[in-house]
Amino acid sequence: MSTEPQLALAPAMSDSLSRWLEGERSTRDRSDHTITAYQGDLLAFLAFIGQYRGTPALPSNLHDLTQTDMRAFAASERGRGLGARSLARRLSAVRSFIRWLSDREGFEASKILNTRGPRYTRTLPRPLAPIRRKTCWTWRQRATRRLGSRRAIWRC
């Protein structure tokens, strides 16, 4: 358990965060699961920035964030065991929020937005288990006989 005090989210930041999340939900048609994930990502980031700088994160003081701050956040998250893909999503949510906030607050956010996410290898799809492969092949043969080769559709 951490001995550092937990900094509460300032009302101004809470209001900005809720407006951004509502905008994501309504204008970008994000699912409830995505909104929940974004909220968790941003709360983690804002809590980190508050502890890292020693002052609560406010919309008015996020204008002076640097790549060093973003890299420190990424290193902290990796140190907690967050995977590369999850960290990439988390940083993407943070950059999206900062971009939105910079439009409303009128500050230049290019230093923050230029921060790159972690590299990760894209994996190939996993092969089907032998029993599933046999089921798919049997279904394909039946569909081909019944519908003809042009109309048979893969469902596997």
N, C-alpha and C. Protein backbone atom coordinates (compact mmCIF):
# COMPACT_ATOMS: atom_id res chain seq x y z
N MET A 1 0.83 -1.17 0.00
CA MET A 1 0.00 0.00 0.00
C MET A 1 0.88 1.24 0.00
N SER A 2 0.46 2.24 -0.79
CA SER A 2 1.25 3.45 -0.94
C SER A 2 1.10 4.34 0.29
N THR A 3 2.21 4.96 0.69
CA THR A 3 2.15 5.87 1.83
C THR A 3 1.88 7.30 1.38
N GLU A 4 1.89 7.53 0.05
CA GLU A 4 1.64 8.87 -0.45
C GLU A 4 0.15 9.19 -0.33
N PRO A 5 -0.17 10.44 0.00
CA PRO A 5 -1.58 10.80 0.12
C PRO A 5 -2.26 10.81 -1.24
N GLN A 6 -3.52 10.37 -1.28
CA GLN A 6 -4.30 10.40 -2.50
C GLN A 6 -4.85 11.81 -2.69
N LEU A 7 -4.61 12.40 -3.85
CA LEU A 7 -5.11 13.73 -4.14
C LEU A 7 -6.48 13.61 -4.77
N ALA A 8 -7.43 14.39 -4.27
CA ALA A 8 -8.79 14.36 -4.80
C ALA A 8 -8.84 15.11 -6.13
N LEU A 9 -9.77 14.73 -6.98
CA LEU A 9 -9.97 15.39 -8.25
C LEU A 9 -10.67 16.72 -8.01
N ALA A 10 -10.09 17.80 -8.50
CA ALA A 10 -10.66 19.14 -8.32
C ALA A 10 -11.99 19.24 -9.06
N PRO A 11 -12.93 20.03 -8.54
CA PRO A 11 -14.24 20.16 -9.20
C PRO A 11 -14.15 20.63 -10.65
N ALA A 12 -13.23 21.54 -10.94
CA ALA A 12 -13.09 22.02 -12.32
C ALA A 12 -12.64 20.89 -13.24
N MET A 13 -11.72 20.06 -12.76
CA MET A 13 -11.25 18.94 -13.57
C MET A 13 -12.33 17.88 -13.70
N SER A 14 -13.04 17.62 -12.63
CA SER A 14 -14.14 16.67 -12.67
C SER A 14 -15.19 17.09 -13.69
N ASP A 15 -15.50 18.39 -13.72
CA ASP A 15 -16.46 18.91 -14.68
C ASP A 15 -15.95 18.75 -16.12
N SER A 16 -14.69 19.08 -16.35
CA SER A 16 -14.10 18.93 -17.69
C SER A 16 -14.10 17.48 -18.12
N LEU A 17 -13.73 16.60 -17.21
CA LEU A 17 -13.69 15.17 -17.53
C LEU A 17 -15.08 14.65 -17.87
N SER A 18 -16.07 15.02 -17.09
CA SER A 18 -17.43 14.53 -17.37
C SER A 18 -17.97 15.09 -18.68
N ARG A 19 -17.65 16.36 -19.00
CA ARG A 19 -18.08 16.92 -20.29
C ARG A 19 -17.40 16.22 -21.45
N TRP A 20 -16.11 15.90 -21.32
CA TRP A 20 -15.41 15.19 -22.39
C TRP A 20 -15.98 13.79 -22.59
N LEU A 21 -16.21 13.09 -21.48
CA LEU A 21 -16.76 11.74 -21.58
C LEU A 21 -18.16 11.76 -22.20
N GLU A 22 -18.96 12.75 -21.84
CA GLU A 22 -20.31 12.85 -22.43
C GLU A 22 -20.22 13.16 -23.92
N GLY A 23 -19.25 13.99 -24.30
CA GLY A 23 -19.03 14.26 -25.72
C GLY A 23 -18.59 13.02 -26.48
N GLU A 24 -17.72 12.24 -25.88
CA GLU A 24 -17.29 10.98 -26.51
C GLU A 24 -18.47 10.03 -26.68
N ARG A 25 -19.31 9.97 -25.67
CA ARG A 25 -20.47 9.07 -25.70
C ARG A 25 -21.47 9.51 -26.78
N SER A 26 -21.76 10.79 -26.83
CA SER A 26 -22.83 11.26 -27.72
C SER A 26 -22.36 11.53 -29.14
N THR A 27 -21.25 12.22 -29.33
CA THR A 27 -20.85 12.59 -30.69
C THR A 27 -20.02 11.53 -31.39
N ARG A 28 -19.31 10.71 -30.64
CA ARG A 28 -18.48 9.67 -31.27
C ARG A 28 -19.06 8.28 -31.10
N ASP A 29 -20.23 8.22 -30.46
CA ASP A 29 -20.97 6.97 -30.31
C ASP A 29 -20.12 5.86 -29.67
N ARG A 30 -19.43 6.21 -28.60
CA ARG A 30 -18.62 5.23 -27.87
C ARG A 30 -19.53 4.38 -26.99
N SER A 31 -19.15 3.13 -26.82
CA SER A 31 -19.94 2.23 -25.96
C SER A 31 -19.70 2.56 -24.49
N ASP A 32 -20.57 2.03 -23.65
CA ASP A 32 -20.43 2.26 -22.21
C ASP A 32 -19.12 1.68 -21.68
N HIS A 33 -18.70 0.54 -22.23
CA HIS A 33 -17.44 -0.07 -21.80
C HIS A 33 -16.25 0.82 -22.16
N THR A 34 -16.29 1.42 -23.34
CA THR A 34 -15.21 2.31 -23.76
C THR A 34 -15.16 3.54 -22.87
N ILE A 35 -16.32 4.11 -22.56
CA ILE A 35 -16.39 5.29 -21.70
C ILE A 35 -15.84 4.96 -20.32
N THR A 36 -16.19 3.79 -19.79
CA THR A 36 -15.68 3.36 -18.49
C THR A 36 -14.16 3.20 -18.52
N ALA A 37 -13.65 2.61 -19.61
CA ALA A 37 -12.20 2.44 -19.74
C ALA A 37 -11.51 3.80 -19.84
N TYR A 38 -12.05 4.71 -20.66
CA TYR A 38 -11.46 6.05 -20.78
C TYR A 38 -11.47 6.78 -19.44
N GLN A 39 -12.55 6.65 -18.70
CA GLN A 39 -12.64 7.31 -17.41
C GLN A 39 -11.56 6.78 -16.47
N GLY A 40 -11.39 5.47 -16.43
CA GLY A 40 -10.34 4.88 -15.60
C GLY A 40 -8.96 5.31 -16.04
N ASP A 41 -8.74 5.38 -17.36
CA ASP A 41 -7.45 5.81 -17.89
C ASP A 41 -7.13 7.24 -17.46
N LEU A 42 -8.11 8.11 -17.59
CA LEU A 42 -7.87 9.51 -17.26
C LEU A 42 -7.77 9.75 -15.76
N LEU A 43 -8.53 9.02 -14.98
CA LEU A 43 -8.40 9.16 -13.53
C LEU A 43 -7.02 8.71 -13.07
N ALA A 44 -6.51 7.64 -13.67
CA ALA A 44 -5.15 7.18 -13.33
C ALA A 44 -4.12 8.24 -13.72
N PHE A 45 -4.29 8.82 -14.90
CA PHE A 45 -3.36 9.85 -15.35
C PHE A 45 -3.41 11.08 -14.46
N LEU A 46 -4.61 11.56 -14.16
CA LEU A 46 -4.74 12.77 -13.34
C LEU A 46 -4.24 12.54 -11.92
N ALA A 47 -4.47 11.35 -11.38
CA ALA A 47 -3.95 11.03 -10.05
C ALA A 47 -2.42 11.01 -10.08
N PHE A 48 -1.86 10.41 -11.14
CA PHE A 48 -0.40 10.38 -11.26
C PHE A 48 0.18 11.79 -11.35
N ILE A 49 -0.41 12.61 -12.21
CA ILE A 49 0.09 13.98 -12.39
C ILE A 49 -0.01 14.75 -11.08
N GLY A 50 -1.10 14.56 -10.35
CA GLY A 50 -1.25 15.23 -9.07
C GLY A 50 -0.17 14.83 -8.09
N GLN A 51 0.14 13.54 -8.03
CA GLN A 51 1.19 13.06 -7.12
C GLN A 51 2.58 13.44 -7.62
N TYR A 52 2.77 13.35 -8.92
CA TYR A 52 4.07 13.63 -9.52
C TYR A 52 4.47 15.09 -9.34
N ARG A 53 3.49 15.98 -9.49
CA ARG A 53 3.77 17.41 -9.36
C ARG A 53 3.48 17.96 -7.98
N GLY A 54 2.74 17.23 -7.18
CA GLY A 54 2.44 17.67 -5.83
C GLY A 54 1.28 18.64 -5.71
N THR A 55 0.59 18.89 -6.81
CA THR A 55 -0.59 19.76 -6.80
C THR A 55 -1.69 19.08 -7.60
N PRO A 56 -2.95 19.32 -7.24
CA PRO A 56 -4.04 18.70 -7.99
C PRO A 56 -4.01 19.14 -9.46
N ALA A 57 -4.35 18.21 -10.34
CA ALA A 57 -4.40 18.52 -11.77
C ALA A 57 -5.65 19.36 -12.04
N LEU A 58 -5.44 20.53 -12.62
CA LEU A 58 -6.53 21.44 -12.98
C LEU A 58 -6.47 21.69 -14.48
N PRO A 59 -7.60 22.01 -15.10
CA PRO A 59 -7.55 22.32 -16.53
C PRO A 59 -6.59 23.47 -16.84
N SER A 60 -6.48 24.41 -15.93
CA SER A 60 -5.62 25.57 -16.17
C SER A 60 -4.12 25.27 -16.02
N ASN A 61 -3.75 24.19 -15.32
CA ASN A 61 -2.32 23.92 -15.16
C ASN A 61 -1.84 22.72 -15.97
N LEU A 62 -2.69 22.17 -16.83
CA LEU A 62 -2.22 21.08 -17.70
C LEU A 62 -1.51 21.61 -18.95
N HIS A 63 -1.54 22.92 -19.15
CA HIS A 63 -0.90 23.50 -20.33
C HIS A 63 0.61 23.36 -20.31
N ASP A 64 1.20 23.20 -19.15
CA ASP A 64 2.66 23.10 -19.08
C ASP A 64 3.17 21.67 -18.94
N LEU A 65 2.32 20.70 -19.27
CA LEU A 65 2.80 19.31 -19.30
C LEU A 65 3.82 19.14 -20.42
N THR A 66 4.77 18.25 -20.21
CA THR A 66 5.81 18.00 -21.21
C THR A 66 5.87 16.51 -21.52
N GLN A 67 6.68 16.18 -22.51
CA GLN A 67 6.89 14.78 -22.84
C GLN A 67 7.50 14.04 -21.66
N THR A 68 8.30 14.71 -20.87
CA THR A 68 8.89 14.09 -19.69
C THR A 68 7.81 13.62 -18.72
N ASP A 69 6.78 14.45 -18.55
CA ASP A 69 5.66 14.06 -17.68
C ASP A 69 4.93 12.84 -18.24
N MET A 70 4.73 12.86 -19.54
CA MET A 70 4.03 11.73 -20.17
C MET A 70 4.87 10.45 -20.09
N ARG A 71 6.17 10.59 -20.28
CA ARG A 71 7.04 9.42 -20.19
C ARG A 71 7.11 8.90 -18.76
N ALA A 72 7.10 9.80 -17.80
CA ALA A 72 7.10 9.38 -16.39
C ALA A 72 5.81 8.61 -16.08
N PHE A 73 4.69 9.08 -16.61
CA PHE A 73 3.42 8.38 -16.43
C PHE A 73 3.49 6.99 -17.07
N ALA A 74 4.01 6.92 -18.29
CA ALA A 74 4.12 5.63 -18.99
C ALA A 74 5.02 4.68 -18.21
N ALA A 75 6.14 5.17 -17.71
CA ALA A 75 7.06 4.33 -16.94
C ALA A 75 6.40 3.85 -15.65
N SER A 76 5.65 4.72 -15.02
CA SER A 76 4.94 4.34 -13.80
C SER A 76 3.92 3.23 -14.07
N GLU A 77 3.19 3.37 -15.15
CA GLU A 77 2.18 2.37 -15.50
C GLU A 77 2.82 1.04 -15.88
N ARG A 78 3.92 1.10 -16.62
CA ARG A 78 4.63 -0.15 -16.97
C ARG A 78 5.18 -0.80 -15.71
N GLY A 79 5.66 0.01 -14.77
CA GLY A 79 6.17 -0.50 -13.50
C GLY A 79 5.09 -1.18 -12.67
N ARG A 80 3.85 -0.75 -12.85
CA ARG A 80 2.73 -1.39 -12.15
C ARG A 80 2.27 -2.66 -12.85
N GLY A 81 2.88 -2.96 -14.02
CA GLY A 81 2.56 -4.19 -14.72
C GLY A 81 1.60 -4.04 -15.88
N LEU A 82 1.30 -2.82 -16.30
CA LEU A 82 0.39 -2.61 -17.43
C LEU A 82 1.08 -3.03 -18.72
N GLY A 83 0.40 -3.77 -19.56
CA GLY A 83 0.95 -4.25 -20.82
C GLY A 83 1.06 -3.14 -21.85
N ALA A 84 1.77 -3.41 -22.93
CA ALA A 84 2.02 -2.41 -23.97
C ALA A 84 0.73 -1.96 -24.66
N ARG A 85 -0.15 -2.89 -25.00
CA ARG A 85 -1.41 -2.51 -25.66
C ARG A 85 -2.30 -1.68 -24.75
N SER A 86 -2.38 -2.07 -23.49
CA SER A 86 -3.20 -1.31 -22.54
C SER A 86 -2.62 0.08 -22.31
N LEU A 87 -1.31 0.17 -22.25
CA LEU A 87 -0.67 1.47 -22.08
C LEU A 87 -0.89 2.33 -23.32
N ALA A 88 -0.84 1.74 -24.50
CA ALA A 88 -1.10 2.50 -25.73
C ALA A 88 -2.52 3.07 -25.72
N ARG A 89 -3.49 2.27 -25.29
CA ARG A 89 -4.87 2.75 -25.21
C ARG A 89 -4.99 3.86 -24.17
N ARG A 90 -4.33 3.68 -23.05
CA ARG A 90 -4.38 4.67 -21.97
C ARG A 90 -3.78 6.00 -22.43
N LEU A 91 -2.65 5.95 -23.10
CA LEU A 91 -2.03 7.18 -23.60
C LEU A 91 -2.87 7.82 -24.70
N SER A 92 -3.52 7.00 -25.50
CA SER A 92 -4.40 7.53 -26.54
C SER A 92 -5.57 8.28 -25.92
N ALA A 93 -6.16 7.74 -24.88
CA ALA A 93 -7.26 8.43 -24.19
C ALA A 93 -6.77 9.74 -23.58
N VAL A 94 -5.59 9.73 -23.00
CA VAL A 94 -5.04 10.95 -22.39
C VAL A 94 -4.80 12.00 -23.46
N ARG A 95 -4.20 11.61 -24.58
CA ARG A 95 -3.95 12.57 -25.66
C ARG A 95 -5.25 13.14 -26.22
N SER A 96 -6.25 12.29 -26.36
CA SER A 96 -7.55 12.76 -26.87
C SER A 96 -8.16 13.78 -25.92
N PHE A 97 -8.10 13.51 -24.63
CA PHE A 97 -8.63 14.45 -23.63
C PHE A 97 -7.84 15.76 -23.64
N ILE A 98 -6.53 15.67 -23.71
CA ILE A 98 -5.68 16.87 -23.72
C ILE A 98 -5.97 17.70 -24.98
N ARG A 99 -6.15 17.04 -26.11
CA ARG A 99 -6.48 17.74 -27.36
C ARG A 99 -7.81 18.50 -27.19
N TRP A 100 -8.81 17.82 -26.64
CA TRP A 100 -10.12 18.44 -26.40
C TRP A 100 -9.98 19.62 -25.43
N LEU A 101 -9.23 19.41 -24.36
CA LEU A 101 -9.06 20.45 -23.35
C LEU A 101 -8.30 21.64 -23.90
N SER A 102 -7.31 21.40 -24.73
CA SER A 102 -6.53 22.52 -25.29
C SER A 102 -7.40 23.37 -26.21
N ASP A 103 -8.34 22.76 -26.91
CA ASP A 103 -9.27 23.54 -27.74
C ASP A 103 -10.15 24.44 -26.88
N ARG A 104 -10.57 23.96 -25.73
CA ARG A 104 -11.45 24.74 -24.86
C ARG A 104 -10.70 25.76 -24.01
N GLU A 105 -9.52 25.41 -23.58
CA GLU A 105 -8.75 26.30 -22.70
C GLU A 105 -7.81 27.22 -23.48
N GLY A 106 -7.59 26.92 -24.74
CA GLY A 106 -6.76 27.78 -25.58
C GLY A 106 -5.27 27.69 -25.34
N PHE A 107 -4.74 26.49 -25.09
CA PHE A 107 -3.30 26.35 -24.93
C PHE A 107 -2.73 25.42 -25.99
N GLU A 108 -1.45 25.53 -26.20
CA GLU A 108 -0.75 24.71 -27.20
C GLU A 108 -0.37 23.37 -26.56
N ALA A 109 -0.85 22.29 -27.15
CA ALA A 109 -0.64 20.97 -26.57
C ALA A 109 0.27 20.08 -27.41
N SER A 110 0.98 20.65 -28.37
CA SER A 110 1.77 19.81 -29.27
C SER A 110 2.87 19.05 -28.54
N LYS A 111 3.42 19.60 -27.45
CA LYS A 111 4.46 18.89 -26.70
C LYS A 111 3.92 17.58 -26.13
N ILE A 112 2.69 17.62 -25.68
CA ILE A 112 2.09 16.44 -25.08
C ILE A 112 1.61 15.47 -26.16
N LEU A 113 1.02 16.02 -27.22
CA LEU A 113 0.43 15.19 -28.26
C LEU A 113 1.47 14.45 -29.08
N ASN A 114 2.72 14.92 -29.06
CA ASN A 114 3.78 14.25 -29.81
C ASN A 114 4.36 13.04 -29.10
N THR A 115 3.91 12.76 -27.91
CA THR A 115 4.41 11.61 -27.16
C THR A 115 3.95 10.33 -27.83
N ARG A 116 4.86 9.46 -28.10
CA ARG A 116 4.54 8.19 -28.76
C ARG A 116 4.16 7.13 -27.73
N GLY A 117 3.29 6.25 -28.17
CA GLY A 117 2.93 5.12 -27.33
C GLY A 117 3.98 4.02 -27.44
N PRO A 118 3.86 3.01 -26.63
CA PRO A 118 4.84 1.92 -26.68
C PRO A 118 4.68 1.08 -27.95
N ARG A 119 5.75 0.47 -28.35
CA ARG A 119 5.68 -0.45 -29.48
C ARG A 119 5.27 -1.82 -28.98
N TYR A 120 4.48 -2.47 -29.78
CA TYR A 120 4.09 -3.84 -29.45
C TYR A 120 3.94 -4.60 -30.75
N THR A 121 4.16 -5.88 -30.67
CA THR A 121 4.06 -6.70 -31.87
C THR A 121 2.61 -7.10 -32.10
N ARG A 122 2.24 -7.03 -33.33
CA ARG A 122 0.90 -7.46 -33.71
C ARG A 122 0.97 -8.96 -33.96
N THR A 123 0.09 -9.69 -33.31
CA THR A 123 0.12 -11.14 -33.42
C THR A 123 -0.87 -11.61 -34.48
N LEU A 124 -0.58 -12.75 -35.02
CA LEU A 124 -1.50 -13.37 -35.97
C LEU A 124 -2.65 -14.01 -35.22
N PRO A 125 -3.77 -14.20 -35.89
CA PRO A 125 -4.88 -14.89 -35.21
C PRO A 125 -4.46 -16.30 -34.82
N ARG A 126 -5.00 -16.77 -33.74
CA ARG A 126 -4.67 -18.12 -33.27
C ARG A 126 -5.36 -19.15 -34.16
N PRO A 127 -4.71 -20.28 -34.40
CA PRO A 127 -5.35 -21.32 -35.21
C PRO A 127 -6.51 -21.97 -34.44
N LEU A 128 -7.43 -22.51 -35.20
CA LEU A 128 -8.56 -23.20 -34.58
C LEU A 128 -8.11 -24.49 -33.93
N ALA A 129 -8.78 -24.85 -32.86
CA ALA A 129 -8.53 -26.14 -32.22
C ALA A 129 -8.97 -27.24 -33.20
N PRO A 130 -8.36 -28.42 -33.14
CA PRO A 130 -8.69 -29.48 -34.10
C PRO A 130 -10.18 -29.81 -34.17
N ILE A 131 -10.87 -29.86 -33.04
CA ILE A 131 -12.29 -30.20 -33.06
C ILE A 131 -13.09 -29.08 -33.74
N ARG A 132 -12.71 -27.85 -33.51
CA ARG A 132 -13.40 -26.71 -34.13
C ARG A 132 -13.12 -26.69 -35.63
N ARG A 133 -11.90 -27.02 -36.03
CA ARG A 133 -11.53 -27.05 -37.43
C ARG A 133 -12.37 -28.09 -38.17
N LYS A 134 -12.55 -29.25 -37.54
CA LYS A 134 -13.35 -30.31 -38.15
C LYS A 134 -14.80 -29.88 -38.29
N THR A 135 -15.33 -29.21 -37.27
CA THR A 135 -16.71 -28.72 -37.31
C THR A 135 -16.88 -27.71 -38.44
N CYS A 136 -15.93 -26.81 -38.59
CA CYS A 136 -16.01 -25.81 -39.65
C CYS A 136 -15.96 -26.46 -41.02
N TRP A 137 -15.07 -27.41 -41.17
CA TRP A 137 -14.94 -28.08 -42.47
C TRP A 137 -16.23 -28.84 -42.80
N THR A 138 -16.81 -29.51 -41.85
CA THR A 138 -18.06 -30.25 -42.07
C THR A 138 -19.17 -29.28 -42.45
N TRP A 139 -19.26 -28.17 -41.76
CA TRP A 139 -20.28 -27.19 -42.06
C TRP A 139 -20.09 -26.63 -43.46
N ARG A 140 -18.85 -26.37 -43.85
CA ARG A 140 -18.55 -25.84 -45.18
C ARG A 140 -18.96 -26.84 -46.26
N GLN A 141 -18.70 -28.11 -46.04
CA GLN A 141 -19.07 -29.13 -47.04
C GLN A 141 -20.59 -29.20 -47.18
N ARG A 142 -21.32 -29.18 -46.07
CA ARG A 142 -22.77 -29.22 -46.13
C ARG A 142 -23.34 -27.99 -46.83
N ALA A 143 -22.82 -26.83 -46.50
CA ALA A 143 -23.31 -25.60 -47.11
C ALA A 143 -23.02 -25.57 -48.60
N THR A 144 -21.87 -26.07 -49.01
CA THR A 144 -21.53 -26.10 -50.42
C THR A 144 -22.49 -27.01 -51.18
N ARG A 145 -22.79 -28.18 -50.61
CA ARG A 145 -23.73 -29.10 -51.26
C ARG A 145 -25.12 -28.49 -51.34
N ARG A 146 -25.53 -27.85 -50.29
CA ARG A 146 -26.89 -27.32 -50.22
C ARG A 146 -27.05 -26.04 -51.03
N LEU A 147 -26.11 -25.12 -50.96
CA LEU A 147 -26.26 -23.81 -51.56
C LEU A 147 -25.45 -23.61 -52.83
N GLY A 148 -24.55 -24.50 -53.11
CA GLY A 148 -23.66 -24.30 -54.24
C GLY A 148 -22.42 -23.57 -53.77
N SER A 149 -21.34 -23.76 -54.48
CA SER A 149 -20.04 -23.23 -54.04
C SER A 149 -20.00 -21.71 -53.98
N ARG A 150 -20.80 -21.04 -54.80
CA ARG A 150 -20.75 -19.57 -54.80
C ARG A 150 -21.50 -18.96 -53.62
N ARG A 151 -22.48 -19.66 -53.07
CA ARG A 151 -23.27 -19.06 -52.02
C ARG A 151 -22.90 -19.58 -50.63
N ALA A 152 -22.00 -20.51 -50.55
CA ALA A 152 -21.60 -21.03 -49.23
C ALA A 152 -20.84 -19.94 -48.47
N ILE A 153 -21.18 -19.75 -47.24
CA ILE A 153 -20.59 -18.70 -46.40
C ILE A 153 -19.84 -19.35 -45.24
N TRP A 154 -18.66 -18.83 -44.95
CA TRP A 154 -17.91 -19.31 -43.80
C TRP A 154 -18.52 -18.73 -42.54
N ARG A 155 -18.73 -19.56 -41.56
CA ARG A 155 -19.21 -19.08 -40.27
C ARG A 155 -18.20 -19.36 -39.17
N CYS A 156 -17.04 -19.75 -39.49
CA CYS A 156 -16.05 -20.09 -38.47
C CYS A 156 -15.13 -18.93 -38.22
